[in-house]
Protein backbone atom coordinates (compact mmCIF):
# COMPACT_ATOMS: atom_id res chain seq x y z
CA MET A 1 87.64 -96.85 -34.38
CA THR A 2 88.76 -93.56 -33.72
CA PRO A 3 90.42 -91.84 -37.17
CA VAL A 4 93.94 -91.36 -35.88
CA ARG A 5 95.04 -88.13 -37.11
CA GLU A 6 98.96 -87.17 -38.69
CA LYS A 7 100.05 -84.00 -36.75
CA PHE A 8 103.73 -83.79 -38.08
CA PRO A 9 102.89 -83.28 -41.91
CA THR A 10 99.97 -80.77 -40.58
CA GLY A 11 102.39 -78.90 -38.67
CA LEU A 12 105.11 -78.97 -41.26
CA ALA A 13 102.18 -77.41 -43.71
CA ARG A 14 101.50 -74.74 -41.68
CA GLY A 15 105.39 -74.26 -40.89
CA HIS A 16 105.94 -74.00 -44.54
CA LEU A 17 102.86 -71.74 -45.34
CA ALA A 18 103.94 -69.75 -42.63
CA TRP A 19 107.88 -69.06 -43.98
CA THR A 20 105.79 -68.50 -47.52
CA ILE A 21 103.79 -65.60 -46.03
CA ALA A 22 106.90 -64.30 -44.35
CA THR A 23 109.06 -64.32 -47.69
CA ALA A 24 106.16 -62.69 -49.93
CA SER A 25 106.26 -60.07 -47.29
CA LEU A 26 109.57 -59.42 -47.10
CA ALA A 27 109.53 -59.19 -51.10
CA LEU A 28 106.76 -57.27 -51.29
CA LEU A 29 108.01 -54.51 -48.30
CA VAL A 30 111.33 -54.20 -50.82
CA LEU A 31 109.50 -53.99 -53.54
CA LEU A 32 107.16 -51.24 -52.28
CA GLY A 33 110.10 -49.48 -51.00
CA THR A 34 112.23 -49.71 -53.87
CA LEU A 35 109.35 -47.73 -55.50
CA SER A 36 108.64 -45.44 -52.88
CA ALA A 37 112.42 -44.76 -53.09
CA GLY A 38 113.01 -44.32 -56.80
CA ILE A 39 109.52 -42.00 -56.95
CA VAL A 40 111.31 -39.86 -54.44
CA TYR A 41 114.62 -40.04 -56.31
CA SER A 42 112.82 -39.08 -59.04
CA ARG A 43 111.22 -36.07 -57.73
CA GLN A 44 114.53 -35.37 -56.07
CA GLN A 45 116.05 -35.26 -59.30
CA SER A 46 113.44 -32.98 -61.14
CA ARG A 47 113.92 -30.82 -58.47
CA ALA A 48 117.89 -30.93 -58.54
CA HIS A 49 117.37 -30.53 -62.81
CA ILE A 50 114.91 -27.81 -62.23
CA LEU A 51 117.35 -25.92 -59.89
CA SER A 52 120.18 -26.62 -62.28
CA SER A 53 118.38 -24.62 -65.01
CA PHE A 54 117.47 -21.92 -62.69
CA GLU A 55 121.01 -21.71 -61.40
CA LEU A 56 122.10 -22.30 -65.73
CA ARG A 57 119.93 -19.14 -66.47
CA GLY A 58 121.94 -16.87 -63.67
CA THR A 59 125.13 -17.97 -65.65
CA SER A 60 123.84 -17.53 -68.84
CA SER A 61 122.33 -13.84 -67.75
CA ALA A 62 125.73 -13.19 -66.06
CA THR A 63 127.61 -13.82 -69.11
CA PHE A 64 125.58 -12.14 -71.44
CA VAL A 65 125.99 -9.04 -69.25
CA SER A 66 129.24 -9.60 -69.21
CA GLU A 67 129.98 -9.67 -72.89
CA PHE A 68 127.51 -6.74 -73.31
CA LEU A 69 129.52 -4.53 -71.57
CA MET A 70 132.72 -6.17 -73.15
CA GLN A 71 131.61 -5.16 -76.72
CA GLN A 72 130.68 -1.78 -75.06
CA ALA A 73 134.24 -1.71 -74.50
CA THR A 74 135.33 -2.91 -77.64
CA ARG A 75 133.44 -0.29 -79.27
CA GLU A 76 134.54 2.80 -77.62
CA GLN A 77 138.32 1.49 -77.75
CA GLN A 78 137.74 1.60 -81.67
CA THR A 79 135.85 4.68 -82.16
CA ALA A 80 138.36 6.55 -79.27
CA GLN A 81 141.19 5.36 -81.68
CA ARG A 82 139.59 6.59 -84.72
CA PHE A 83 138.38 9.78 -83.41
CA LEU A 84 139.82 10.89 -80.12
CA SER A 85 143.46 10.18 -81.45
CA GLY A 86 144.98 13.26 -82.83
CA GLU A 87 147.10 15.35 -81.17
CA ARG A 88 144.49 18.35 -80.56
CA VAL A 89 140.67 17.21 -80.08
CA SER A 90 138.16 19.59 -80.11
CA SER A 91 135.45 19.60 -77.30
CA GLU A 92 132.47 19.02 -79.99
CA GLN A 93 134.73 16.07 -81.94
CA PHE A 94 134.40 14.60 -78.21
CA ARG A 95 130.79 15.33 -77.32
CA LEU A 96 129.98 14.36 -80.70
CA VAL A 97 131.67 10.53 -79.63
CA VAL A 98 130.19 10.60 -76.52
CA SER A 99 126.70 11.24 -77.89
CA ALA A 100 126.94 8.53 -80.08
CA PHE A 101 126.94 5.58 -77.52
CA GLY A 102 124.26 7.46 -75.81
CA SER A 103 126.34 8.74 -72.66
CA ASN A 104 125.71 11.62 -70.77
CA ALA A 105 128.63 11.80 -68.87
CA ALA A 106 132.30 11.06 -69.80
CA VAL A 107 135.73 11.85 -69.34
CA LEU A 108 139.16 11.76 -72.16
CA LEU A 109 142.65 11.84 -69.78
CA ASP A 110 146.31 11.96 -71.32
CA SER A 111 148.74 9.71 -71.16
CA SER A 112 149.68 11.22 -67.07
CA GLY A 113 145.64 10.82 -66.36
CA ARG A 114 145.31 14.51 -66.60
CA LEU A 115 141.44 15.60 -67.95
CA LEU A 116 141.70 16.71 -71.30
CA ASP A 117 137.94 16.89 -71.59
CA ILE A 118 134.55 16.50 -69.62
CA VAL A 119 131.38 16.06 -70.49
CA PRO A 120 129.28 17.81 -68.98
CA SER A 121 131.76 20.43 -69.44
CA ASP A 122 132.91 21.71 -66.40
CA PRO A 123 136.49 23.95 -67.28
CA SER A 124 137.85 23.72 -63.54
CA LEU A 125 138.36 19.97 -63.73
CA LEU A 126 140.54 20.39 -67.04
CA GLY A 127 144.08 19.94 -66.25
CA HIS A 128 143.98 18.12 -63.33
CA PRO A 129 144.66 14.71 -62.63
CA LEU A 130 141.57 12.82 -62.52
CA ALA A 131 142.62 8.85 -62.50
CA SER A 132 143.70 8.48 -58.78
CA ARG A 133 139.74 9.48 -58.21
CA TYR A 134 139.02 6.33 -59.96
CA THR A 135 140.05 3.11 -59.49
CA HIS A 136 138.64 1.88 -62.94
CA LEU A 137 140.43 4.83 -64.78
CA GLU A 138 143.49 3.66 -63.32
CA THR A 139 143.24 0.53 -64.40
CA ALA A 140 142.72 1.63 -68.13
CA GLU A 141 145.94 3.79 -67.19
CA HIS A 142 147.72 0.79 -67.26
CA GLY A 143 146.62 -0.32 -70.62
CA GLN A 144 143.44 -2.98 -69.67
CA PRO A 145 140.01 -2.20 -69.98
CA ALA A 146 137.93 -1.73 -66.56
CA ILE A 147 134.04 -1.79 -65.82
CA SER A 148 133.63 0.28 -62.66
CA ASN A 149 131.07 -0.03 -59.45
CA VAL A 150 128.60 2.52 -59.08
CA VAL A 151 130.56 5.88 -58.96
CA ALA A 152 129.69 9.63 -58.22
CA SER A 153 130.27 10.92 -61.72
CA ALA A 154 133.48 13.65 -61.73
CA ALA A 155 131.04 16.85 -62.90
CA ARG A 156 127.90 16.34 -61.45
CA ALA A 157 128.75 13.46 -58.40
CA THR A 158 125.57 11.60 -59.46
CA PRO A 159 125.72 7.99 -59.12
CA VAL A 160 126.73 6.19 -62.58
CA THR A 161 128.71 2.78 -64.08
CA ALA A 162 131.29 3.71 -66.39
CA ILE A 163 133.53 1.70 -69.18
CA ALA A 164 137.05 2.75 -69.19
CA VAL A 165 138.99 2.19 -72.11
CA PRO A 166 143.04 3.00 -72.93
CA PHE A 167 144.11 3.60 -76.76
CA ALA A 168 147.64 4.27 -77.77
CA THR A 169 148.11 7.95 -79.98
CA ALA A 170 151.13 9.37 -81.12
CA ARG A 171 151.45 11.35 -77.83
CA GLY A 172 151.06 8.08 -75.39
CA ARG A 173 148.08 6.42 -73.83
CA ARG A 174 145.02 8.09 -73.48
CA VAL A 175 142.16 6.84 -71.56
CA PHE A 176 138.34 7.23 -72.80
CA SER A 177 135.68 6.97 -70.05
CA THR A 178 132.37 6.76 -70.82
CA ALA A 179 129.56 7.05 -67.90
CA TYR A 180 125.75 5.44 -67.84
CA ASN A 181 123.31 6.07 -65.70
CA ALA A 182 123.10 3.14 -62.34
CA ASP A 183 119.95 2.06 -63.60
CA ASN A 184 121.13 2.09 -67.51
CA SER A 185 118.57 1.59 -69.83
CA ALA A 186 119.98 -1.53 -71.75
CA LEU A 187 120.89 -3.54 -68.90
CA GLY A 188 117.63 -2.51 -67.39
CA ARG A 189 115.44 -4.43 -70.13
CA PHE A 190 117.79 -7.16 -69.89
CA VAL A 191 117.31 -7.87 -66.07
CA GLN A 192 113.28 -7.29 -66.45
CA HIS A 193 113.70 -10.65 -69.13
CA THR A 194 116.60 -12.51 -67.34
CA VAL A 195 113.60 -15.08 -66.00
CA PRO A 196 109.96 -15.47 -67.43
CA ASN A 197 108.86 -16.56 -63.70
CA GLN A 198 106.35 -14.21 -62.00
CA PRO A 199 106.71 -13.03 -59.53
CA HIS A 200 110.63 -13.09 -59.56
CA GLU A 201 113.56 -10.92 -58.07
CA VAL A 202 116.53 -10.13 -60.56
CA ILE A 203 118.97 -7.51 -59.23
CA LEU A 204 122.03 -6.45 -60.93
CA VAL A 205 124.67 -5.65 -57.92
CA ASP A 206 128.47 -3.92 -58.18
CA GLY A 207 131.37 -5.07 -56.32
CA ASP A 208 129.91 -3.10 -53.24
CA GLU A 209 126.43 -4.62 -53.39
CA HIS A 210 124.88 -0.79 -55.11
CA VAL A 211 122.02 -1.50 -56.98
CA ILE A 212 122.53 -0.79 -60.80
CA ALA A 213 119.78 -2.38 -62.46
CA ALA A 214 116.61 -4.48 -60.90
CA SER A 215 113.26 -6.18 -62.02
CA PRO A 216 111.08 -5.37 -60.75
CA ALA A 217 112.07 -1.80 -60.18
CA THR A 218 113.19 -0.32 -57.05
CA THR A 219 114.07 3.03 -55.41
CA ALA A 220 116.36 1.39 -53.26
CA SER A 221 120.60 1.89 -53.82
CA THR A 222 121.57 -1.18 -51.95
CA LEU A 223 120.61 -4.85 -52.31
CA ALA A 224 120.34 -4.82 -47.99
CA GLN A 225 117.61 -1.96 -48.67
CA ALA A 226 116.33 -3.86 -51.59
CA ASP A 227 115.91 -6.79 -50.16
CA PRO A 228 117.53 -7.72 -46.49
CA GLY A 229 116.84 -11.22 -46.32
CA LEU A 230 118.08 -11.95 -49.95
CA ALA A 231 121.22 -9.73 -49.21
CA ARG A 232 121.76 -12.02 -45.68
CA ALA A 233 121.43 -15.36 -47.66
CA ALA A 234 123.92 -14.22 -50.11
CA THR A 235 126.81 -13.10 -47.66
CA HIS A 236 126.55 -17.00 -46.77
CA ALA A 237 125.88 -18.67 -50.13
CA SER A 238 125.83 -18.14 -53.77
CA HIS A 239 122.67 -20.38 -54.18
CA GLY A 240 119.76 -21.85 -51.97
CA SER A 241 117.28 -20.50 -49.90
CA VAL A 242 115.95 -17.10 -48.51
CA ALA A 243 115.84 -17.40 -45.13
CA GLY A 244 113.06 -15.16 -43.72
CA ALA A 245 111.34 -14.60 -47.22
CA HIS A 246 107.04 -14.58 -47.04
CA THR A 247 107.05 -17.64 -48.98
CA PRO A 248 110.07 -20.31 -49.81
CA THR A 249 112.41 -19.07 -51.69
CA THR A 250 115.10 -20.31 -53.63
CA PHE A 251 118.28 -17.71 -55.19
CA ALA A 252 121.20 -18.17 -57.01
CA GLU A 253 124.38 -15.29 -57.34
CA THR A 254 126.09 -15.60 -60.36
CA PRO A 255 129.41 -13.05 -60.49
CA VAL A 256 129.68 -11.27 -63.90
CA PRO A 257 132.77 -12.33 -65.57
CA GLY A 258 135.65 -9.33 -66.12
CA THR A 259 133.40 -7.29 -63.62
CA SER A 260 133.42 -7.17 -59.95
CA TRP A 261 129.03 -7.10 -60.61
CA LYS A 262 127.20 -9.64 -59.61
CA LEU A 263 123.68 -10.90 -60.77
CA LEU A 264 120.61 -12.05 -58.45
CA ILE A 265 117.62 -14.51 -58.99
CA ALA A 266 115.35 -14.76 -56.52
CA VAL A 267 112.12 -16.81 -57.45
CA PRO A 268 109.50 -18.54 -54.95
CA ASN A 269 109.38 -21.96 -54.91
CA SER A 270 105.85 -22.11 -55.69
CA ARG A 271 106.17 -20.75 -59.06
CA MET A 272 109.52 -22.54 -59.58
CA TYR A 273 108.64 -25.90 -59.07
CA ALA A 274 104.97 -25.69 -60.15
CA SER A 275 105.77 -28.33 -62.92
CA ILE A 276 106.03 -30.79 -60.26
CA ALA A 277 103.44 -29.72 -57.93
CA GLY A 278 99.81 -29.89 -57.58
CA TRP A 279 97.83 -32.76 -58.80
CA THR A 280 100.85 -34.05 -61.28
CA GLN A 281 102.73 -35.49 -58.04
CA TRP A 282 100.06 -37.46 -57.00
CA ILE A 283 100.35 -40.07 -59.87
CA PRO A 284 103.14 -42.00 -59.33
CA TRP A 285 101.86 -42.63 -56.07
CA LEU A 286 98.77 -43.75 -57.37
CA VAL A 287 100.46 -46.02 -59.91
CA LEU A 288 101.95 -47.48 -56.62
CA VAL A 289 99.08 -48.52 -54.66
CA LEU A 290 97.97 -50.43 -58.01
CA VAL A 291 101.64 -51.80 -57.79
CA SER A 292 100.81 -52.74 -54.25
CA ILE A 293 97.99 -55.08 -55.11
CA LEU A 294 99.25 -56.37 -57.80
CA GLY A 295 102.59 -57.10 -56.32
CA THR A 296 100.73 -58.62 -53.31
CA LEU A 297 99.27 -61.75 -55.39
CA LEU A 298 102.32 -62.01 -57.33
CA VAL A 299 104.61 -61.88 -54.60
CA ALA A 300 102.20 -64.90 -52.71
CA LEU A 301 102.48 -66.70 -56.09
CA PHE A 302 106.14 -66.98 -56.69
CA ALA A 303 107.16 -66.61 -53.05
CA ARG A 304 108.05 -70.44 -53.02
CA SER A 305 109.92 -70.62 -56.20
CA LEU A 306 112.15 -67.88 -55.87
CA ALA A 307 112.95 -69.09 -52.35
CA ASP A 308 113.70 -72.62 -53.38
CA ARG A 309 116.00 -70.66 -56.48
CA ALA A 310 118.20 -68.55 -53.86
CA ARG A 311 118.52 -72.12 -51.60
CA LEU A 312 119.52 -74.14 -54.59
CA THR A 313 122.10 -71.30 -55.87
CA LEU A 314 123.58 -71.04 -52.16
CA LEU A 315 123.77 -75.02 -52.55
CA SER A 316 125.61 -75.13 -55.78
CA THR A 317 128.14 -72.16 -54.51
CA LYS A 318 128.99 -74.16 -51.54
CA LEU A 319 129.41 -77.41 -53.83
CA GLU A 320 131.60 -75.72 -56.51
CA GLN A 321 133.95 -74.25 -53.54
CA ILE A 322 133.93 -77.37 -51.61
CA ALA A 323 134.73 -79.15 -54.72
CA ARG A 324 137.81 -76.86 -55.63
CA THR A 325 139.64 -76.65 -52.33
CA ASP A 326 141.26 -78.69 -49.56
CA SER A 327 139.27 -79.04 -46.58
CA LEU A 328 142.30 -78.99 -44.53
CA THR A 329 144.57 -76.92 -45.76
CA GLY A 330 142.06 -74.31 -47.71
CA LEU A 331 144.27 -74.49 -51.08
CA LEU A 332 143.36 -75.31 -54.03
CA ASN A 333 142.89 -79.33 -54.29
CA ARG A 334 144.00 -81.83 -57.10
CA ARG A 335 140.85 -80.70 -58.97
CA ALA A 336 141.27 -77.48 -59.43
CA LEU A 337 145.12 -77.14 -59.40
CA GLY A 338 144.52 -79.30 -63.12
CA GLU A 339 142.63 -76.85 -64.06
CA HIS A 340 144.68 -73.77 -63.56
CA LEU A 341 147.68 -75.80 -64.50
CA ALA A 342 145.85 -76.64 -68.38
CA ARG A 343 145.46 -72.73 -68.41
CA ALA A 344 149.31 -71.86 -67.51
CA ALA A 345 150.41 -73.94 -70.26
CA ALA A 346 148.31 -73.05 -73.06
CA HIS A 347 149.26 -69.69 -71.84
CA ALA A 348 153.01 -70.52 -71.58
CA ARG A 349 152.95 -72.40 -74.95
CA ARG A 350 150.70 -69.19 -76.69
CA ARG A 351 153.60 -66.66 -75.71
CA ASP A 352 156.96 -68.64 -75.74
CA GLU A 353 157.10 -68.13 -72.03
CA PRO A 354 158.53 -70.99 -69.57
CA LEU A 355 156.65 -72.49 -67.06
CA SER A 356 158.12 -74.47 -64.65
CA LEU A 357 156.48 -77.07 -61.93
CA MET A 358 157.64 -78.11 -58.64
CA MET A 359 156.21 -81.29 -57.17
CA ILE A 360 156.80 -81.44 -53.28
CA ASP A 361 157.01 -84.24 -50.89
CA LEU A 362 156.89 -83.99 -46.87
CA ASP A 363 159.61 -86.24 -45.66
CA ARG A 364 158.94 -88.41 -42.12
CA PHE A 365 155.52 -87.16 -42.59
CA LYS A 366 154.23 -90.71 -42.15
CA GLU A 367 156.87 -90.98 -38.59
CA THR A 368 154.99 -87.75 -37.64
CA ASN A 369 151.65 -88.93 -37.86
CA ASP A 370 152.32 -92.63 -36.58
CA GLU A 371 154.44 -90.90 -33.36
CA PHE A 372 151.83 -88.12 -32.28
CA GLY A 373 149.32 -88.86 -34.03
CA HIS A 374 146.96 -87.50 -37.25
CA LYS A 375 146.32 -84.09 -35.24
CA ALA A 376 149.93 -83.51 -35.58
CA GLY A 377 150.23 -84.68 -39.29
CA ASP A 378 147.30 -82.38 -39.91
CA GLN A 379 149.49 -79.08 -37.50
CA VAL A 380 152.65 -80.11 -40.49
CA LEU A 381 150.30 -79.69 -43.63
CA CYS A 382 148.67 -77.15 -42.76
CA ALA A 383 152.41 -75.01 -41.54
CA PHE A 384 153.51 -76.12 -44.78
CA ALA A 385 150.80 -74.50 -46.94
CA GLY A 386 150.99 -70.87 -44.74
CA CYS A 387 155.12 -71.20 -46.13
CA LEU A 388 153.93 -71.61 -50.08
CA SER A 389 151.49 -68.56 -49.16
CA ASP A 390 154.51 -66.88 -47.73
CA ALA A 391 157.23 -67.83 -49.76
CA LEU A 392 155.28 -67.66 -53.85
CA ARG A 393 154.26 -64.91 -56.00
CA ALA A 394 150.73 -63.46 -56.16
CA ASP A 395 150.76 -65.21 -59.60
CA ASP A 396 151.76 -68.96 -58.46
CA ILE A 397 149.73 -71.38 -58.71
CA TYR A 398 149.83 -73.98 -55.82
CA GLY A 399 147.61 -76.45 -53.65
CA ARG A 400 147.48 -79.65 -52.12
CA TRP A 401 148.04 -82.74 -54.88
CA GLY A 402 147.01 -85.08 -52.03
CA GLY A 403 148.27 -86.65 -48.67
CA ASP A 404 151.35 -85.27 -48.43
CA GLU A 405 152.09 -83.84 -51.71
CA PHE A 406 151.91 -80.58 -52.76
CA LEU A 407 152.24 -79.13 -56.18
CA VAL A 408 153.13 -75.76 -57.45
CA ALA A 409 153.02 -74.00 -60.98
CA LEU A 410 155.20 -70.91 -61.97
CA PRO A 411 154.86 -68.73 -64.72
CA ALA A 412 157.20 -67.23 -66.89
CA THR A 413 159.82 -68.94 -64.62
CA ASP A 414 162.36 -70.42 -66.29
CA SER A 415 164.55 -73.29 -64.20
CA ASP A 416 167.20 -71.05 -62.44
CA SER A 417 164.27 -68.85 -60.97
CA ALA A 418 162.34 -71.99 -59.87
CA GLN A 419 165.59 -73.15 -57.62
CA ARG A 420 165.00 -69.78 -56.56
CA ALA A 421 162.06 -69.99 -55.66
CA ALA A 422 162.18 -73.58 -54.06
CA ALA A 423 165.44 -72.32 -51.81
CA ARG A 424 163.15 -69.56 -50.23
CA LEU A 425 160.22 -72.48 -50.07
CA ARG A 426 162.87 -74.52 -48.23
CA SER A 427 164.20 -71.28 -46.10
CA CYS A 428 160.56 -70.52 -44.74
CA ALA A 429 160.18 -74.44 -44.02
CA GLN A 430 163.26 -74.88 -41.93
CA ALA A 431 162.34 -71.83 -39.91
CA LEU A 432 158.90 -73.34 -38.60
CA GLU A 433 158.98 -74.30 -34.87
CA LEU A 434 157.55 -77.64 -34.31
CA GLY A 435 159.53 -79.08 -31.70
CA GLU A 436 156.71 -80.45 -29.97
CA ILE A 437 155.92 -82.61 -32.64
CA GLY A 438 159.54 -83.47 -33.15
CA LEU A 439 160.44 -81.76 -35.94
CA PRO A 440 162.71 -78.73 -34.06
CA ASN A 441 164.58 -77.83 -37.81
CA GLY A 442 161.47 -77.67 -39.43
CA ILE A 443 159.18 -79.79 -41.89
CA PRO A 444 161.69 -81.38 -43.83
CA PHE A 445 160.78 -81.99 -48.03
CA SER A 446 161.97 -83.21 -50.97
CA ILE A 447 161.10 -81.77 -54.28
CA GLY A 448 161.41 -82.11 -57.92
CA VAL A 449 161.59 -79.20 -60.27
CA ALA A 450 160.32 -79.39 -64.47
CA THR A 451 160.56 -76.58 -66.24
CA SER A 452 159.26 -76.30 -70.08
CA THR A 453 157.54 -74.16 -72.83
CA GLU A 454 155.79 -77.15 -74.83
CA THR A 455 154.96 -80.07 -73.03
CA THR A 456 151.65 -80.88 -71.70
CA PRO A 457 150.19 -80.15 -68.05
CA ALA A 458 150.64 -84.32 -67.73
CA GLU A 459 153.74 -84.87 -69.26
CA LEU A 460 155.34 -81.46 -67.01
CA VAL A 461 153.87 -83.54 -63.70
CA ARG A 462 155.03 -86.58 -64.81
CA GLU A 463 158.91 -85.45 -65.48
CA ALA A 464 158.30 -83.27 -61.93
CA ASP A 465 157.34 -86.34 -60.19
CA SER A 466 159.97 -88.80 -61.99
CA VAL A 467 162.68 -86.32 -60.55
CA LEU A 468 161.22 -86.13 -57.24
CA TYR A 469 161.21 -89.86 -56.82
CA GLU A 470 164.86 -89.84 -58.13
CA ALA A 471 165.86 -87.09 -55.29
CA LYS A 472 164.03 -89.59 -52.94
CA ALA A 473 165.59 -92.87 -54.13
CA ASP A 474 169.20 -91.18 -53.95
CA GLY A 475 168.49 -90.11 -50.02
CA HIS A 476 168.62 -86.52 -50.26
CA ARG A 477 166.69 -83.33 -50.38
CA ASP A 478 168.09 -81.07 -52.58
CA MET A 479 166.77 -79.42 -55.43
CA GLN A 480 166.71 -81.49 -57.91
CA PRO A 481 165.65 -79.71 -61.63
CA SER A 482 164.51 -80.96 -65.00
CA ARG A 483 167.51 -80.91 -67.15
CA ARG A 484 165.07 -81.89 -69.96
CA HIS A 485 163.54 -78.69 -71.80
CA HIS A 486 160.85 -79.13 -74.68
């Protein structure tokens, strides 16, 4: 006899194998994508850290320049107060004070801004108002120390930067201002050691972008002359790339606190990011290749178990939802209501708060079903469920207790508040327009209300149910709050 082949199991096995391979491939792609993204993110973080350190160096350097200038201003003010506050100050004494600060140009002004003395000496300027010619001298005349931009010195008209300080005397406020060459040696040495990266470009400029000091040294007088590309980049942002540079370059511009000066630092990217360039950048990718090989094997082995676990998890979630939700109205079912009610009762006992319970039974529900069919009955149940959602608070617990019965738990609610909640619910139910199924005046219902702080959930349900039974037996539907409090 010719053997009969079982085609169905073979086809099923092939389909399952294809599904397993597809799942394994997808998992592997996700894994490799995650690792690749991690490598890219890590490199971006490293670059961001290097850039942040670069910008922080600019900030700390600018702060150091500011502190140096402020300390210099403080020393000048203290020295002037001590040696230049007399009624008369000799030229020899003034020159001695100026030389003590290593300055080759200085002025001393009286309280009216007129020149008392000047270095280098120029007798033709004595007694003339000088403060109005220089912004930093005017600022000092008003009582505030000031750092100038690059200005022309009063005696020789050479480019200098000046520190002007006010100080009090018996004849009023005076101003002492020392000037230094624009390439001040102290600032020049500091600029040279601002960043260790070589090559680099560090330029200290004033508010008008005149060069005060630079590394490497330059004969240019303005930033635009020293580095046009850096000047253009700095007009649009405080940090970023220098467009048009011979090699990709990153710069940072930081204002010097207390002055109009700015410190600019520019370093080629090849030097700034040297620690994450070269062969070291390929190590993570080599590791990724090894992980890919191992991952291919592991994903293939565990694909089926992972897929089964996912299906079981999804099924468990759906079953839990089904077990706790009424499929028709979408409200909590009796099981879920019992759990919530137990927690609400325990909470009420701990805090000694009232807990009210409403047991609701829809009137004429059987007649509606018999006359208009079960579809009309379902419509009534869903419409009343909507009323519960509209009339009750977000913290209230409500659901379908069974058939045409609904249960509502009102935490932290006394009997009077429960009656008002029932009234809201009755108003909502009466406003429903269901004339097509014989309910032109809304949905009628009977209600039993019980309030307690100490009874068990089961006792509270029995009490509300008993009040509901009495209300239906009496043949009316007014609210029947329980008068028995525990």
